[in-house]
Amino acid sequence: MKKVAIGSGNKNPTFIGSWNIEPILICDDLISYFELNIAKQKNGVTAGGLNLDTKDSVDITINPKDIILPGNEAFKEYFDQLFQCFKNYEEKWTFLNEISENLEIGSFNLQRYKPGQHFKKIHTERSRIQNLHRIFAFMTYLNDVEEGGSTYFSHYDLEIKPQKGLTLIWPAEWTHAHRGNILKEGSKYIITGWINFAN
């Protein structure tokens, strides 16, 4: 895990943490998992259900308890790295030490976008009673994307280009409304999910 800087946008601080995970081969292993598990792939959904006018992707949803199953070793390696990123995030925002012992990873998604697809709607990760337990969102870009596919945080006028291994953690609140811009060529793969209050 290596701390990296992203564009500053128009506001600072953004409370968006950014790192490059290591080894980068974790990304290749997660893409391979996605492509080899066709039966698990489904149209992406939001808290409001399936709506291609809001989100157009293909996802595999995984529960944390399944990380230990044979064949899922790449997820354990990934979350070991993500934990290091979050510990670094805590070091910057030390108040989080007050609540971090009560946090856990929830279900998470591997996602693939093809040209013309994207998360079209500006949205937040914490938007209704059903997802009030979300405190942070995380996302790692699993491949480089040359044309389109960026993530746009509207309140900060901040656009982040997908780069293999780039990992983001940000607050799940309305303050971090965002969308995925349209992918113009190639494929875009990400792993994404939430850090929640423990149930």
Protein backbone atom coordinates (compact mmCIF):
# COMPACT_ATOMS: atom_id res chain seq x y z
CA MET A 1 0.00 0.00 0.00
CA LYS A 2 1.39 3.38 -1.03
CA LYS A 3 -0.27 6.72 -0.34
CA VAL A 4 -0.87 8.71 -3.54
CA ALA A 5 -2.29 12.13 -4.38
CA ILE A 6 -5.35 12.65 -6.55
CA GLY A 7 -6.55 15.88 -8.15
CA SER A 8 -7.57 18.56 -5.68
CA GLY A 9 -10.79 19.71 -7.39
CA ASN A 10 -12.21 23.01 -6.22
CA LYS A 11 -12.48 22.21 -2.49
CA ASN A 12 -9.98 21.02 0.06
CA PRO A 13 -9.98 18.82 2.06
CA THR A 14 -12.23 16.36 0.25
CA PHE A 15 -11.89 13.60 2.89
CA ILE A 16 -11.20 11.19 0.03
CA GLY A 17 -8.23 8.95 0.83
CA SER A 18 -6.21 7.50 -2.07
CA TRP A 19 -3.57 4.78 -2.28
CA ASN A 20 -2.04 2.29 -4.71
CA ILE A 21 -2.40 -1.26 -3.46
CA GLU A 22 0.51 -3.70 -3.73
CA PRO A 23 1.22 -6.14 -5.21
CA ILE A 24 -0.63 -4.94 -8.30
CA LEU A 25 -1.23 -8.57 -9.33
CA ILE A 26 -4.12 -8.63 -6.86
CA CYS A 27 -6.06 -6.68 -9.47
CA ASP A 28 -5.42 -9.30 -12.16
CA ASP A 29 -6.53 -12.08 -9.80
CA LEU A 30 -9.80 -10.26 -9.06
CA ILE A 31 -10.52 -9.67 -12.76
CA SER A 32 -9.84 -13.37 -13.43
CA TYR A 33 -12.26 -14.30 -10.65
CA PHE A 34 -14.93 -12.13 -12.26
CA GLU A 35 -14.47 -13.59 -15.74
CA LEU A 36 -14.29 -17.20 -14.55
CA ASN A 37 -17.51 -16.96 -12.50
CA ILE A 38 -20.04 -16.22 -15.22
CA ALA A 39 -22.86 -17.91 -13.28
CA LYS A 40 -22.48 -15.38 -10.46
CA GLN A 41 -22.67 -12.33 -12.76
CA LYS A 42 -25.87 -10.25 -12.67
CA ASN A 43 -27.02 -6.83 -13.78
CA GLY A 44 -25.91 -4.29 -11.20
CA VAL A 45 -28.54 -3.00 -8.78
CA THR A 46 -28.78 -0.09 -6.37
CA ALA A 47 -30.64 0.21 -3.06
CA GLY A 48 -33.68 1.00 -5.21
CA GLY A 49 -33.34 -2.23 -7.22
CA LEU A 50 -32.58 -2.84 -10.90
CA ASN A 51 -32.73 0.33 -12.98
CA LEU A 52 -30.50 0.55 -16.05
CA ASP A 53 -31.28 4.25 -16.32
CA THR A 54 -29.45 4.70 -13.00
CA LYS A 55 -26.75 2.01 -13.03
CA ASP A 56 -25.66 -0.05 -16.01
CA SER A 57 -23.06 -2.66 -15.08
CA VAL A 58 -22.54 -6.38 -14.53
CA ASP A 59 -21.76 -7.30 -10.90
CA ILE A 60 -20.80 -10.20 -8.69
CA THR A 61 -21.90 -9.63 -5.09
CA ILE A 62 -19.92 -11.39 -2.36
CA ASN A 63 -20.60 -11.71 1.36
CA PRO A 64 -17.64 -11.28 3.75
CA LYS A 65 -18.14 -14.77 5.20
CA ASP A 66 -17.36 -16.22 1.76
CA ILE A 67 -13.85 -14.74 1.66
CA ILE A 68 -12.50 -17.84 3.42
CA LEU A 69 -13.95 -20.31 0.89
CA PRO A 70 -11.54 -22.17 -1.42
CA GLY A 71 -10.92 -20.20 -4.59
CA ASN A 72 -11.47 -16.84 -2.88
CA GLU A 73 -7.91 -16.26 -1.69
CA ALA A 74 -7.56 -13.08 -3.77
CA PHE A 75 -10.22 -11.39 -1.66
CA LYS A 76 -8.35 -12.02 1.59
CA GLU A 77 -5.20 -10.56 0.05
CA TYR A 78 -7.16 -7.55 -1.19
CA PHE A 79 -8.79 -6.85 2.16
CA ASP A 80 -5.46 -7.13 3.94
CA GLN A 81 -4.34 -4.26 1.70
CA LEU A 82 -7.59 -2.32 2.16
CA PHE A 83 -7.18 -2.59 5.94
CA GLN A 84 -3.77 -0.96 5.64
CA CYS A 85 -5.32 1.87 3.62
CA PHE A 86 -7.99 2.39 6.24
CA LYS A 87 -5.42 2.41 9.06
CA ASN A 88 -3.60 5.16 7.17
CA TYR A 89 -6.89 7.03 6.77
CA GLU A 90 -7.39 6.80 10.54
CA GLU A 91 -3.97 8.27 11.15
CA LYS A 92 -4.99 11.38 9.23
CA TRP A 93 -8.45 11.68 10.80
CA THR A 94 -7.72 10.54 14.35
CA PHE A 95 -11.29 10.93 15.60
CA LEU A 96 -12.02 7.68 13.75
CA ASN A 97 -10.15 5.83 16.49
CA GLU A 98 -13.22 6.48 18.65
CA ILE A 99 -15.48 4.39 16.40
CA SER A 100 -13.25 2.14 14.29
CA GLU A 101 -13.56 -0.89 16.59
CA ASN A 102 -17.30 -0.91 15.84
CA LEU A 103 -16.86 -1.06 12.06
CA GLU A 104 -16.89 -3.99 9.64
CA ILE A 105 -16.90 -4.73 5.93
CA GLY A 106 -20.33 -5.48 4.49
CA SER A 107 -21.18 -7.27 1.26
CA PHE A 108 -19.15 -6.00 -1.67
CA ASN A 109 -19.19 -6.08 -5.46
CA LEU A 110 -16.90 -6.91 -8.31
CA GLN A 111 -18.15 -4.85 -11.26
CA ARG A 112 -17.49 -4.69 -14.98
CA TYR A 113 -18.48 -1.87 -17.30
CA LYS A 114 -18.41 -2.14 -21.11
CA PRO A 115 -18.42 0.80 -23.57
CA GLY A 116 -21.57 2.88 -23.14
CA GLN A 117 -22.13 1.69 -19.57
CA HIS A 118 -21.70 3.65 -16.36
CA PHE A 119 -23.32 4.59 -13.03
CA LYS A 120 -25.35 7.36 -14.61
CA LYS A 121 -26.97 9.06 -11.66
CA ILE A 122 -25.30 11.33 -9.13
CA HIS A 123 -25.79 9.38 -5.92
CA THR A 124 -24.58 8.89 -2.39
CA GLU A 125 -23.88 5.63 -0.58
CA ARG A 126 -26.05 6.54 2.39
CA SER A 127 -29.45 7.63 1.15
CA ARG A 128 -32.23 5.81 2.99
CA ILE A 129 -33.08 3.96 6.19
CA GLN A 130 -31.86 0.68 4.71
CA ASN A 131 -28.28 1.92 4.30
CA LEU A 132 -27.80 4.25 7.26
CA HIS A 133 -25.26 1.77 8.68
CA ARG A 134 -22.77 2.70 5.95
CA ILE A 135 -19.98 4.98 7.18
CA PHE A 136 -17.46 4.80 4.33
CA ALA A 137 -17.33 3.58 0.76
CA PHE A 138 -14.26 2.00 -0.78
CA MET A 139 -13.33 1.33 -4.39
CA THR A 140 -10.31 -0.01 -6.21
CA TYR A 141 -9.87 0.31 -9.97
CA LEU A 142 -8.67 -3.06 -11.22
CA ASN A 143 -7.42 -1.89 -14.63
CA ASP A 144 -6.31 1.21 -16.47
CA VAL A 145 -8.98 2.95 -18.54
CA GLU A 146 -7.95 5.26 -21.36
CA GLU A 147 -11.27 6.66 -22.58
CA GLY A 148 -14.03 7.62 -20.13
CA GLY A 149 -15.02 5.69 -17.04
CA SER A 150 -13.86 8.33 -14.55
CA THR A 151 -15.49 8.89 -11.17
CA TYR A 152 -16.85 12.39 -10.64
CA PHE A 153 -17.47 13.87 -7.17
CA SER A 154 -19.83 16.72 -7.97
CA HIS A 155 -19.49 18.84 -4.80
CA TYR A 156 -15.71 19.00 -5.24
CA ASP A 157 -15.66 19.19 -9.04
CA LEU A 158 -13.22 16.29 -8.75
CA GLU A 159 -12.78 13.77 -11.57
CA ILE A 160 -10.67 10.67 -10.92
CA LYS A 161 -9.34 8.61 -13.81
CA PRO A 162 -9.30 4.83 -13.32
CA GLN A 163 -5.77 3.56 -12.81
CA LYS A 164 -4.94 -0.03 -11.97
CA GLY A 165 -4.59 -0.45 -8.20
CA LEU A 166 -5.81 3.05 -7.29
CA THR A 167 -7.89 2.66 -4.13
CA LEU A 168 -10.26 5.27 -2.69
CA ILE A 169 -12.01 5.53 0.67
CA TRP A 170 -14.56 8.28 1.25
CA PRO A 171 -17.46 9.13 3.58
CA ALA A 172 -20.76 7.55 2.59
CA GLU A 173 -22.70 10.77 3.24
CA TRP A 174 -24.45 13.17 0.83
CA THR A 175 -21.33 15.33 0.96
CA HIS A 176 -19.68 12.84 -1.38
CA ALA A 177 -22.31 12.55 -4.10
CA HIS A 178 -20.74 11.10 -7.23
CA ARG A 179 -21.32 9.27 -10.49
CA GLY A 180 -19.37 7.10 -12.90
CA ASN A 181 -18.81 8.78 -16.24
CA ILE A 182 -19.58 6.88 -19.42
CA LEU A 183 -17.00 4.32 -20.55
CA LYS A 184 -15.98 5.00 -24.14
CA GLU A 185 -13.79 2.01 -24.96
CA GLY A 186 -12.41 -1.18 -23.46
CA SER A 187 -13.62 -2.56 -20.14
CA LYS A 188 -13.57 -1.07 -16.65
CA TYR A 189 -13.31 -3.35 -13.62
CA ILE A 190 -13.65 -2.27 -10.00
CA ILE A 191 -14.12 -3.80 -6.58
CA THR A 192 -16.31 -1.67 -4.33
CA GLY A 193 -18.28 -1.84 -1.11
CA TRP A 194 -18.82 -0.26 2.28
CA ILE A 195 -17.37 -0.02 5.75
CA ASN A 196 -20.34 -0.26 8.10
CA PHE A 197 -21.31 -0.05 11.72
CA ALA A 198 -21.17 -3.64 12.99
CA ASN A 199 -24.53 -5.37 13.23
